[in-house]
Protein backbone atom coordinates (compact mmCIF):
# COMPACT_ATOMS: atom_id res chain seq x y z
CA MET A 1 -2.45 6.67 14.74
CA CYS A 2 -2.84 6.71 10.98
CA GLU A 3 -6.14 7.92 9.51
CA ARG A 4 -5.07 9.01 6.03
CA ILE A 5 -2.21 7.90 3.79
CA GLU A 6 -0.58 10.24 1.30
CA LEU A 7 1.25 8.94 -1.75
CA HIS A 8 2.59 11.71 -3.92
CA ALA A 9 5.26 9.70 -5.74
CA GLY A 10 5.67 8.19 -9.17
CA VAL A 11 6.77 4.78 -10.42
CA ARG A 12 10.44 5.74 -10.65
CA GLU A 13 10.68 7.05 -7.08
CA ILE A 14 8.91 4.01 -5.65
CA SER A 15 10.95 1.53 -7.72
CA ARG A 16 14.32 2.77 -6.46
CA HIS A 17 13.52 1.42 -2.99
CA PHE A 18 13.35 -2.15 -4.32
CA GLY A 19 15.81 -4.31 -6.23
CA ARG A 20 13.24 -5.59 -8.68
CA LEU A 21 9.70 -4.35 -8.69
CA GLN A 22 6.87 -5.18 -11.07
CA ILE A 23 4.90 -1.94 -11.18
CA SER A 24 3.18 0.27 -13.70
CA ALA A 25 1.48 3.65 -13.57
CA ARG A 26 -1.90 1.84 -13.54
CA ASP A 27 -1.06 0.50 -10.07
CA LEU A 28 -0.85 4.00 -8.58
CA PRO A 29 -3.94 5.31 -6.75
CA ASP A 30 -5.96 8.01 -8.47
CA ASP A 31 -5.79 10.35 -5.46
CA ASP A 32 -2.73 11.57 -3.56
CA GLU A 33 -4.48 11.22 -0.18
CA LEU A 34 -6.34 8.02 0.67
CA ALA A 35 -8.91 7.31 3.36
CA PRO A 36 -10.04 4.05 4.96
CA GLY A 37 -12.01 1.93 2.52
CA GLU A 38 -10.08 3.19 -0.50
CA PRO A 39 -7.56 1.10 -2.49
CA LEU A 40 -3.93 1.51 -1.46
CA LEU A 41 -0.80 0.62 -3.37
CA ILE A 42 0.83 -2.40 -1.70
CA ILE A 43 4.15 -4.08 -2.43
CA SER A 44 4.37 -7.81 -1.77
CA SER A 45 6.66 -10.69 -2.62
CA GLY A 46 6.45 -11.63 -6.26
CA GLY A 47 8.77 -14.61 -6.45
CA ASP A 48 11.35 -12.91 -8.67
CA GLY A 49 11.58 -9.65 -6.76
CA ALA A 50 8.52 -7.74 -5.60
CA ARG A 51 5.26 -6.78 -7.25
CA ALA A 52 2.81 -3.93 -6.88
CA SER A 53 -0.94 -4.35 -6.59
CA ASN A 54 -3.92 -2.73 -4.89
CA ALA A 55 -5.76 -3.61 -1.70
CA ARG A 56 -8.61 -1.80 -0.01
CA TRP A 57 -7.68 -0.30 3.36
CA GLY A 58 -9.64 -2.26 5.98
CA LEU A 59 -8.76 -5.91 6.48
CA VAL A 60 -11.38 -8.58 5.79
CA GLY A 61 -9.92 -12.04 6.43
CA HIS A 62 -10.71 -14.90 4.07
CA PHE A 63 -11.90 -16.87 7.11
CA LEU A 64 -14.85 -14.50 7.71
CA ASP A 65 -18.27 -15.40 6.36
CA GLN A 66 -19.06 -11.78 5.56
CA SER A 67 -17.39 -8.39 5.62
CA PRO A 68 -17.49 -6.79 9.10
CA ARG A 69 -19.11 -3.40 9.58
CA SER A 70 -15.79 -1.91 10.66
CA PRO A 71 -12.89 -3.66 8.90
CA LEU A 72 -9.59 -3.44 10.76
CA LEU A 73 -7.46 -0.50 9.67
CA HIS A 74 -4.64 -1.14 12.16
CA LEU A 75 -3.24 -4.14 14.02
CA ARG A 76 -0.97 -4.00 17.05
CA GLY A 77 2.28 -5.65 16.02
CA GLU A 78 3.00 -6.96 19.51
CA THR A 79 -0.09 -9.18 19.62
CA LEU A 80 -0.16 -10.30 15.99
CA ALA A 81 1.89 -13.48 16.35
CA ALA A 82 -0.25 -14.66 19.28
CA THR A 83 -3.55 -14.24 17.43
CA PRO A 84 -4.27 -17.44 15.44
CA PHE A 85 -6.23 -15.81 12.60
CA TYR A 86 -3.74 -13.03 11.95
CA ASN A 87 -0.68 -15.14 12.67
CA ARG A 88 -1.42 -17.00 9.43
CA LEU A 89 -1.37 -13.74 7.49
CA LEU A 90 1.78 -12.63 9.30
CA ARG A 91 3.52 -15.75 8.04
CA ARG A 92 2.37 -15.67 4.42
CA LYS A 93 0.79 -12.36 3.44
CA ARG A 94 3.04 -9.47 4.38
CA CYS A 95 3.31 -6.30 2.37
CA LEU A 96 4.62 -2.74 2.43
CA ILE A 97 2.56 0.37 1.80
CA PRO A 98 4.58 3.20 0.21
CA ALA A 99 3.65 6.65 1.51
CA THR A 100 5.01 10.17 1.37
CA ALA A 101 3.16 10.93 4.61
CA PHE A 102 0.37 9.79 6.88
CA MET A 103 -2.16 11.89 8.74
CA SER A 104 -4.25 11.85 11.88
CA TRP A 105 -6.46 14.27 13.76
CA GLN A 106 -5.39 15.34 17.23
CA SER A 107 -5.53 18.26 19.63
CA ASP A 108 -3.12 21.08 18.88
CA GLY A 109 -2.79 22.01 22.56
CA GLU A 110 -5.42 24.73 22.33
CA GLY A 111 -8.41 22.42 22.43
CA GLN A 112 -8.78 22.35 18.66
CA ARG A 113 -8.65 19.10 16.68
CA ARG A 114 -6.47 19.61 13.65
CA LYS A 115 -5.04 17.49 10.89
CA LEU A 116 -1.46 16.42 11.65
CA ARG A 117 0.74 15.40 8.71
CA ILE A 118 3.73 13.18 9.57
CA ALA A 119 6.46 12.66 6.98
CA GLU A 120 10.15 11.83 6.74
CA ARG A 121 12.06 15.03 7.50
CA ASP A 122 14.00 14.95 4.21
CA GLY A 123 11.00 13.94 2.12
CA GLU A 124 12.09 10.30 1.66
CA LEU A 125 9.48 7.67 0.93
CA LEU A 126 8.07 5.86 3.97
CA LEU A 127 7.34 2.11 3.87
CA LEU A 128 4.55 1.03 6.23
CA ALA A 129 4.47 -2.62 7.29
CA ALA A 130 1.10 -4.25 6.66
CA ILE A 131 -0.61 -7.58 6.11
CA PHE A 132 -3.19 -8.35 3.45
CA ASP A 133 -5.67 -11.05 2.51
CA HIS A 134 -8.14 -11.90 -0.22
CA HIS A 135 -11.80 -12.44 0.60
CA PRO A 136 -14.09 -14.04 -2.01
CA HIS A 137 -16.54 -11.13 -1.75
CA ALA A 138 -14.56 -8.19 -0.32
CA GLY A 139 -11.55 -8.72 -2.59
CA SER A 140 -8.00 -7.81 -1.54
CA THR A 141 -7.82 -5.83 1.69
CA CYS A 142 -5.06 -4.80 4.10
CA ALA A 143 -4.31 -3.41 7.55
CA VAL A 144 -1.38 -1.31 8.79
CA LEU A 145 0.76 -2.64 11.64
CA THR A 146 1.50 -0.29 14.53
CA ALA A 147 4.19 -0.24 17.22
CA PRO A 148 5.06 1.95 20.22
CA ALA A 149 6.95 5.06 19.12
CA ILE A 150 10.32 5.71 20.74
CA GLY A 151 12.57 8.69 21.24
CA LEU A 152 11.57 11.92 19.53
CA ALA A 153 8.90 10.11 17.53
CA HIS A 154 6.96 9.52 20.76
CA GLY A 155 6.40 13.28 20.90
CA LEU A 156 4.28 13.00 17.78
CA GLN A 157 2.12 10.06 18.87
CA PRO A 158 2.50 7.20 21.38
CA ARG A 159 1.89 4.65 18.59
CA LEU A 160 2.87 4.93 14.95
CA PRO A 161 2.76 2.73 11.87
CA LEU A 162 5.65 0.27 11.83
CA LEU A 163 8.11 1.94 9.44
CA LEU A 164 10.67 -0.28 7.74
CA GLN A 165 13.78 0.60 5.76
CA GLY A 166 16.61 -1.20 3.98
CA GLU A 167 17.30 -4.67 5.39
CA ALA A 168 14.19 -4.56 7.59
CA ALA A 169 11.99 -3.93 4.55
CA ALA A 170 13.74 -6.75 2.63
CA PHE A 171 13.21 -9.12 5.57
CA TRP A 172 9.53 -8.22 5.66
CA LEU A 173 8.98 -9.10 2.01
CA ALA A 174 11.24 -12.18 1.97
CA GLU A 175 9.70 -15.64 1.75
CA HIS A 176 10.62 -17.63 4.88
CA ALA A 177 10.18 -21.39 5.15
CA GLU A 178 9.32 -20.76 8.80
CA PHE A 179 8.59 -17.18 9.78
CA PRO A 180 11.21 -16.02 12.37
CA GLU A 181 9.05 -14.52 15.09
CA ASP A 182 12.10 -13.52 17.15
CA GLU A 183 13.35 -11.30 14.33
CA PHE A 184 9.88 -9.89 13.92
CA ALA A 185 9.83 -9.00 17.63
CA THR A 186 13.12 -7.15 17.10
CA LEU A 187 11.53 -5.10 14.29
CA LEU A 188 8.87 -3.95 16.75
CA GLN A 189 11.56 -2.51 19.04
CA PRO A 190 13.78 -0.49 16.70
CA THR A 191 16.74 1.36 18.14
CA GLU A 192 15.63 4.41 16.18
CA TRP A 193 12.80 5.61 13.97
CA PRO A 194 13.20 7.43 10.69
CA SER A 195 13.60 11.16 11.28
CA LEU A 196 9.98 12.30 11.25
CA LEU A 197 8.48 15.75 11.00
CA GLY A 198 4.94 16.52 12.11
CA GLU A 199 3.09 19.63 11.03
CA TYR A 200 -0.49 20.77 11.39
CA LEU A 201 -2.12 21.43 8.04
CA PRO A 202 -4.02 24.69 7.63
CA GLU A 203 -7.76 24.50 7.28
CA PRO A 204 -8.80 25.00 3.64
CA GLU A 205 -10.21 28.44 2.90
CA PRO A 206 -13.92 28.35 2.01
CA SER A 207 -14.63 29.10 -1.62
CA PRO A 208 -16.06 32.62 -2.10
CA GLN A 209 -18.53 31.14 -4.60
CA LEU A 210 -19.70 28.56 -2.05
CA CYS A 211 -20.10 31.28 0.58
CA PHE A 212 -22.17 33.35 -1.85
CA ASP A 213 -24.36 30.36 -2.76
CA PHE A 214 -24.85 29.59 0.93
CA ALA A 215 -25.90 33.18 1.60
CA LEU A 216 -28.41 33.04 -1.25
CA THR A 217 -29.81 29.76 0.05
CA ARG A 218 -30.24 31.13 3.54
CA SER A 219 -31.78 34.42 2.43
CA SER A 220 -34.29 32.69 0.17
CA ALA A 221 -35.81 30.70 3.02
CA PRO A 222 -38.54 32.38 5.11
CA ALA A 223 -37.45 33.35 8.60
CA GLN A 224 -38.69 31.08 11.36
CA ARG A 225 -39.07 32.10 14.95
CA TRP A 226 -38.80 29.83 17.93
CA GLN A 227 -42.10 29.48 19.72
CA PRO A 228 -42.68 28.23 23.26
CA GLY A 229 -43.41 24.53 23.27
CA GLN A 230 -41.34 23.82 20.13
């Protein structure tokens, strides 16, 4: 799936994927890697072109009385149109999330769970299809759409974020008098995915200073022995 989103790109690189885009450096997230609950950069229709803004990752619909304990991070694209609440957002509140990569944790085949980074093979920007909404208390929030992976991409994960490019991305941001669900269904069954590369990220080396501090902390505590009945 998609558990982290990486955006290591500047305004110029993001802007070249759109005809007209209202964006400034202030719209970019502070961190390169973003987790659920953090604000993402989203691109939505802005009337005259597209506009950038921020939305927290974890959808809270305006129709909810209060924020759920576990806001939705992902939505299955195949069932979206048939779900009354989210069908409304599908029709009016679509957006794209620019990313240089996305991450998930999965088994590496040796029984170890490791962080898998998935990116476009040539380093091109990815555009993740999403929907967003504005809640009076939670503010602007969003969720990533997913679809079954096909071809070589299925070897990475059975489901991936819905990745859009070119005309498909323009269709997603366009304002439709009546949203064409048939064309949306076609987007969910692409003939090919972008050329993706998955790689396991190495575990960060522990800081020698932290190791030393930990050793001091442990050695300063009196030894305790296990006693029967404890």
